[in-house]
Protein backbone atom coordinates (compact mmCIF):
# COMPACT_ATOMS: atom_id res chain seq x y z
CA MET A 1 108.55 87.02 92.42
CA PRO A 2 110.39 87.94 89.22
CA GLY A 3 112.04 91.30 88.76
CA ARG A 4 113.84 93.52 91.20
CA PRO A 5 112.34 95.39 94.13
CA PRO A 6 112.24 99.17 93.78
CA ALA A 7 114.76 101.36 95.53
CA PRO A 8 113.46 102.62 98.89
CA ASP A 9 113.36 106.17 97.56
CA ALA A 10 111.53 105.17 94.33
CA ARG A 11 108.61 103.06 95.56
CA PRO A 12 105.49 103.15 93.37
CA GLU A 13 102.13 104.48 94.55
CA GLY A 14 99.89 101.81 96.02
CA CYS A 15 101.14 98.27 96.45
CA VAL A 16 104.92 98.16 96.12
CA PHE A 17 104.68 94.71 94.49
CA ALA A 18 102.16 95.75 91.80
CA PRO A 19 104.74 96.46 89.05
CA ARG A 20 106.06 92.88 89.39
CA CYS A 21 102.90 90.97 90.35
CA ARG A 22 101.11 88.77 87.83
CA TYR A 23 97.87 89.14 89.80
CA VAL A 24 97.79 92.96 89.82
CA ARG A 25 94.33 94.51 89.58
CA PRO A 26 92.94 98.06 89.65
CA ASP A 27 92.49 98.12 93.43
CA CYS A 28 96.24 97.57 93.85
CA ALA A 29 96.58 101.28 93.04
CA GLU A 30 96.01 101.91 96.76
CA ARG A 31 98.43 100.59 99.35
CA PRO A 32 96.78 97.64 101.13
CA ALA A 33 96.57 97.59 104.92
CA LEU A 34 99.04 95.40 106.79
CA ARG A 35 97.21 92.66 108.70
CA GLU A 36 98.32 89.86 111.00
CA PRO A 37 96.04 86.87 110.28
CA GLU A 38 97.93 84.80 112.85
CA GLU A 39 100.73 85.51 115.28
CA GLY A 40 104.03 86.08 113.52
CA ARG A 41 102.50 86.22 110.04
CA ARG A 42 101.73 89.50 108.31
CA VAL A 43 100.18 90.16 104.92
CA ALA A 44 99.37 93.28 102.90
CA CYS A 45 97.54 92.21 99.74
CA VAL A 46 94.05 92.86 98.41
CA LEU A 47 93.93 89.23 97.25
CA TYR A 48 94.51 87.75 100.71
CA ASP A 49 90.77 87.42 101.38
CA ALA A 50 89.92 86.58 97.75
């Protein structure tokens, strides 16, 4: 992902990747839930099920 991650004390509202994500959409304004679709793999993105 291009760009630099935000400082831990300056994270944006909602998804922390939204400012750098080319697939950002309005529902990224809320922080997505962290899910574990399979053991050892975690994802937190509104597009995971899309």
